[in-house]
Protein backbone atom coordinates (compact mmCIF):
# COMPACT_ATOMS: atom_id res chain seq x y z
CA MET A 1 -0.07 -0.04 -0.05
CA VAL A 2 1.36 3.48 -0.95
CA PHE A 3 -0.25 6.89 -0.21
CA TRP A 4 -1.03 7.60 -3.95
CA GLU A 5 -2.86 4.22 -4.57
CA GLY A 6 -6.36 4.94 -5.75
CA TYR A 7 -5.50 8.37 -6.87
CA LEU A 8 -2.68 7.87 -9.24
CA SER A 9 -1.12 4.94 -11.11
CA ASP A 10 2.43 3.82 -10.26
CA GLU A 11 3.34 4.91 -13.85
CA SER A 12 2.10 8.35 -13.61
CA MET A 13 3.56 8.72 -10.14
CA GLY A 14 6.83 7.51 -11.60
CA THR A 15 6.75 9.90 -14.38
CA PHE A 16 5.79 13.11 -12.59
CA ALA A 17 6.80 12.69 -8.93
CA PRO A 18 10.55 13.16 -9.67
CA ILE A 19 9.75 16.38 -11.51
CA VAL A 20 7.55 17.78 -8.86
CA LEU A 21 10.07 16.77 -6.27
CA TYR A 22 12.86 18.47 -8.17
CA TRP A 23 11.21 21.84 -8.00
CA LEU A 24 10.10 21.52 -4.37
CA TYR A 25 13.66 20.39 -3.20
CA ALA A 26 15.54 22.83 -5.47
CA GLY A 27 13.02 25.58 -4.72
CA MET A 28 13.76 25.11 -1.06
CA TYR A 29 17.45 25.60 -1.52
CA GLN A 30 16.65 28.64 -3.62
CA LEU A 31 14.48 30.22 -1.07
CA LEU A 32 16.87 29.82 1.80
CA PRO A 33 18.73 32.83 3.15
CA PRO A 34 22.29 33.54 1.86
CA LEU A 35 23.89 31.11 4.62
CA GLU A 36 27.37 32.46 3.75
CA GLN A 37 28.78 30.52 6.68
CA PHE A 38 28.01 27.26 4.86
CA ARG A 39 28.48 28.13 1.20
CA LEU A 40 31.20 26.87 -1.09
CA HIS A 41 31.17 29.96 -3.01
CA THR A 42 29.90 33.43 -2.14
CA ARG A 43 26.89 34.86 -3.56
CA LYS A 44 29.03 37.55 -5.27
CA GLU A 45 31.03 34.71 -7.02
CA GLU A 46 27.86 33.07 -8.17
CA GLU A 47 26.70 36.20 -9.75
CA GLN A 48 30.00 37.15 -11.38
CA LYS A 49 31.23 33.79 -12.56
CA ASN A 50 28.06 32.13 -13.90
CA LEU A 51 27.59 32.68 -17.73
CA VAL A 52 23.88 31.99 -17.98
CA LYS A 53 20.84 33.75 -16.37
CA LEU A 54 18.40 31.93 -13.95
CA SER A 55 15.55 32.32 -16.42
CA ALA A 56 17.48 30.40 -19.13
CA VAL A 57 18.30 27.76 -16.58
CA VAL A 58 14.74 27.27 -15.67
CA LYS A 59 13.77 26.93 -19.34
CA GLY A 60 16.47 24.48 -19.86
CA VAL A 61 15.51 22.16 -17.14
CA LEU A 62 11.91 22.32 -18.11
CA LEU A 63 12.74 21.37 -21.59
CA GLN A 64 14.70 18.33 -20.30
CA GLN A 65 12.00 17.30 -17.89
CA LEU A 66 9.38 17.41 -20.80
CA VAL A 67 11.44 14.87 -22.74
CA GLN A 68 12.15 12.82 -19.63
CA ALA A 69 8.20 12.53 -18.93
CA THR A 70 7.61 11.58 -22.52
CA VAL A 71 10.14 8.88 -22.50
CA ALA A 72 9.25 7.65 -18.96
CA GLN A 73 5.51 7.41 -19.87
CA ALA A 74 6.38 5.51 -22.92
CA LEU A 75 8.86 3.16 -21.02
CA PHE A 76 6.27 2.35 -18.27
CA THR A 77 3.56 1.73 -20.75
CA ILE A 78 5.67 -0.76 -22.69
CA THR A 79 6.99 -2.60 -19.71
CA SER A 80 3.83 -2.58 -17.78
CA LYS A 81 3.71 -5.95 -15.68
CA ALA A 82 0.01 -5.62 -14.74
CA SER A 83 -2.07 -8.80 -14.85
CA SER A 84 -5.42 -9.13 -16.50
CA SER A 85 -7.07 -7.71 -13.42
CA GLY A 86 -4.72 -4.71 -13.50
CA VAL A 87 -2.81 -5.65 -10.38
CA VAL A 88 0.95 -5.74 -10.33
CA MET A 89 2.76 -8.10 -8.03
CA GLN A 90 5.29 -6.21 -6.06
CA PRO A 91 8.57 -7.87 -5.04
CA SER A 92 9.53 -8.28 -1.37
CA ILE A 93 11.27 -5.40 0.42
CA PRO A 94 14.65 -6.99 0.16
CA VAL A 95 14.35 -7.63 -3.49
CA GLN A 96 13.35 -3.96 -4.24
CA LEU A 97 16.24 -2.68 -2.17
CA LEU A 98 18.53 -5.00 -4.28
CA GLN A 99 16.93 -3.61 -7.44
CA ILE A 100 17.58 -0.05 -6.33
CA LEU A 101 21.18 -0.80 -5.59
CA VAL A 102 21.66 -2.42 -9.02
CA ALA A 103 19.99 0.60 -10.72
CA MET A 104 22.31 2.90 -8.75
CA LEU A 105 25.43 1.15 -10.01
CA VAL A 106 24.02 0.96 -13.56
CA MET A 107 23.23 4.67 -13.56
CA ASP A 108 26.70 5.58 -12.13
CA THR A 109 28.28 3.50 -14.84
CA TRP A 110 26.49 4.86 -17.66
CA GLN A 111 26.71 8.44 -16.51
CA TYR A 112 30.48 8.03 -15.74
CA PHE A 113 31.38 6.90 -19.16
CA VAL A 114 29.06 9.26 -21.04
CA HIS A 115 30.08 12.17 -19.02
CA ARG A 116 33.82 11.46 -19.33
CA TYR A 117 33.48 11.04 -23.14
CA MET A 118 31.62 14.35 -23.27
CA HIS A 119 34.84 16.06 -21.67
CA GLN A 120 37.40 14.14 -23.76
CA ASN A 121 35.58 14.68 -26.99
CA MET A 122 36.21 18.29 -27.88
CA PHE A 123 33.47 18.69 -30.38
CA LEU A 124 30.95 17.29 -27.81
CA TYR A 125 32.44 19.32 -25.00
CA ARG A 126 32.19 22.62 -27.06
CA HIS A 127 28.85 22.13 -28.49
CA VAL A 128 27.01 20.07 -26.00
CA HIS A 129 28.57 19.52 -22.47
CA SER A 130 29.86 23.06 -22.02
CA GLN A 131 26.35 24.35 -21.57
CA HIS A 132 26.27 22.57 -18.07
CA HIS A 133 29.43 24.16 -17.25
CA LYS A 134 28.22 27.52 -17.90
CA LEU A 135 27.24 27.12 -14.25
CA VAL A 136 30.79 27.65 -12.89
CA VAL A 137 29.25 28.00 -9.43
CA PRO A 138 26.55 25.28 -9.37
CA TYR A 139 23.17 25.95 -7.53
CA ALA A 140 20.33 23.59 -6.81
CA ILE A 141 17.83 24.81 -9.68
CA GLY A 142 20.75 24.27 -12.24
CA ALA A 143 21.21 20.48 -11.40
CA LEU A 144 19.61 19.50 -14.61
CA TYR A 145 20.55 22.37 -16.69
CA ASN A 146 21.95 20.67 -19.78
CA HIS A 147 22.13 20.76 -23.55
CA PRO A 148 18.98 18.81 -24.75
CA LEU A 149 21.16 16.10 -26.23
CA GLU A 150 23.22 15.73 -23.12
CA GLY A 151 19.72 15.66 -21.06
CA LEU A 152 18.59 12.83 -23.39
CA LEU A 153 21.74 10.72 -23.45
CA LEU A 154 22.98 11.25 -19.89
CA ASP A 155 19.93 11.49 -17.73
CA THR A 156 16.96 10.25 -19.71
CA PHE A 157 18.66 7.16 -21.25
CA GLY A 158 20.59 6.56 -18.10
CA GLY A 159 17.51 6.39 -16.07
CA ALA A 160 15.79 4.12 -18.72
CA ILE A 161 18.65 1.69 -18.83
CA SER A 162 18.81 1.50 -15.06
CA PHE A 163 15.08 0.85 -14.91
CA LEU A 164 15.26 -2.06 -17.50
CA ILE A 165 18.41 -3.72 -16.18
CA SER A 166 17.26 -3.77 -12.50
CA GLY A 167 13.98 -5.09 -13.40
CA MET A 168 12.12 -2.91 -10.96
CA THR A 169 8.40 -2.20 -11.18
CA ALA A 170 7.01 1.24 -11.77
CA ARG A 171 6.24 1.54 -7.94
CA THR A 172 9.87 0.88 -7.09
CA ALA A 173 10.99 3.23 -9.74
CA VAL A 174 9.02 6.04 -7.99
CA ILE A 175 11.42 5.60 -4.95
CA PHE A 176 14.55 5.23 -7.03
CA PHE A 177 14.02 8.20 -9.35
CA CYS A 178 12.74 10.47 -6.50
CA PHE A 179 15.88 9.59 -4.43
CA ALA A 180 18.08 10.15 -7.65
CA VAL A 181 16.73 13.60 -8.14
CA MET A 182 17.17 14.64 -4.53
CA LYS A 183 20.81 13.48 -4.59
CA THR A 184 21.46 15.32 -7.85
CA VAL A 185 19.91 18.43 -6.56
CA ASP A 186 21.87 18.33 -3.42
CA ASP A 187 25.22 17.76 -5.36
CA HIS A 188 24.64 21.08 -7.07
CA CYS A 189 23.45 23.01 -4.06
CA GLY A 190 26.53 24.76 -3.29
CA LEU A 191 26.12 24.48 0.43
CA TRP A 192 27.97 22.36 3.07
CA LEU A 193 25.21 22.09 5.68
CA PRO A 194 25.79 20.22 9.01
CA GLY A 195 23.90 17.04 9.44
CA ASN A 196 23.23 16.74 5.68
CA VAL A 197 22.62 12.93 5.25
CA PHE A 198 23.98 12.82 1.73
CA HIS A 199 27.35 14.04 2.90
CA ILE A 200 27.34 11.55 5.70
CA PHE A 201 26.58 8.44 3.57
CA PHE A 202 28.11 9.49 0.23
CA GLN A 203 31.66 10.58 -0.64
CA ASN A 204 30.25 11.80 -3.99
CA ASN A 205 28.72 14.86 -2.67
CA THR A 206 28.38 18.74 -3.05
CA ALA A 207 32.05 19.47 -2.54
CA TYR A 208 33.21 16.36 -4.62
CA HIS A 209 31.02 17.71 -7.58
CA ASP A 210 32.05 21.25 -6.90
CA ILE A 211 35.77 20.13 -7.55
CA HIS A 212 34.64 18.98 -11.15
CA HIS A 213 33.05 22.41 -11.91
CA GLN A 214 36.46 24.31 -10.88
CA LEU A 215 38.81 24.81 -13.83
CA GLN A 216 41.52 22.55 -12.37
CA GLY A 217 38.98 19.75 -11.75
CA THR A 218 37.24 19.45 -15.01
CA LYS A 219 39.31 16.36 -15.96
CA TYR A 220 38.41 14.76 -12.65
CA ASN A 221 35.50 13.55 -10.55
CA TYR A 222 33.17 12.59 -13.38
CA SER A 223 31.25 10.18 -11.29
CA GLN A 224 27.67 10.93 -10.59
CA PRO A 225 25.26 10.86 -8.91
CA PHE A 226 25.96 8.18 -6.28
CA PHE A 227 29.37 6.79 -5.78
CA SER A 228 32.92 7.58 -6.64
CA ILE A 229 33.81 4.06 -7.67
CA TRP A 230 34.67 4.51 -11.38
CA ASP A 231 36.79 7.70 -10.68
CA LYS A 232 38.88 5.73 -8.11
CA LEU A 233 39.22 2.71 -10.33
CA LEU A 234 40.26 4.62 -13.55
CA GLY A 235 42.49 7.30 -11.95
CA THR A 236 40.08 10.25 -12.46
CA TYR A 237 39.55 10.79 -8.74
CA LEU A 238 40.73 14.19 -7.41
CA PRO A 239 40.73 14.34 -3.59
CA TYR A 240 40.08 17.67 -1.96
CA SER A 241 40.34 19.42 1.34
CA LEU A 242 37.36 21.36 2.81
CA VAL A 243 38.81 24.53 4.46
CA LYS A 244 37.12 27.51 6.12
CA ARG A 245 37.42 30.87 4.55
CA GLU A 246 38.15 33.82 6.58
CA ALA A 247 35.05 35.67 5.39
CA GLY A 248 32.86 32.60 6.19
CA GLY A 249 31.85 29.54 4.50
CA PHE A 250 33.94 26.77 3.15
CA GLU A 251 36.29 26.13 0.05
CA ALA A 252 36.88 22.81 -1.55
CA LYS A 253 40.41 22.67 -2.59
CA PRO A 254 41.88 20.06 -4.87
CA ILE A 255 44.75 18.08 -3.56
CA LYS A 256 47.16 16.91 -6.29
CA ASP A 257 50.09 14.51 -5.72
């Protein structure tokens, strides 16, 4: 039993809940006070260094989400496991947890290699991936600000492949995709807040991803959104130290051997 049962199908929830959650969670970050004592970059840096306006970022994210919703609805329709009575048998909780873990590993693998290739192929970087790096100082609403082709290849296809390989039902997908959205937004929020559970349980976090957006870190820390496994295995992991700035807040400084 889930709270949306009787109101929305699992397929509709899996399509639209991650989109709604994205704007609620990212909007919460956007509405917070400056919190300079917890920021990885000052508000002034955000205004001066970023090369795209907030309005353009919002339009770009909405376009990507429109494509995602279309693909998700088609995918759920094609893979529906409903019986003749319209009932879908849900796996046990341990099986669902295993499916989510598999989906996380598949998504990480897909996104690492696609993301890395978009940096190494100069044509793709210049004409596609550089759009995301116009946000030199990341912020929450810009988590899914990408070129439409990158959004399709990296996020939409990555999510579809993770769903298919893990074998999860649409109901389990609601949990997985909502969690993935929150993690992605948090990785771009630019804040190092005390008690943040994502920072406690994941090395791939806000500071880790901030390193990648810095000039000296663009060839490192490709992993997203969950683990740092592939970076460490393939030599693209760039460690960092988190130091306090005199004016308040923190700075993620790369540590090179």
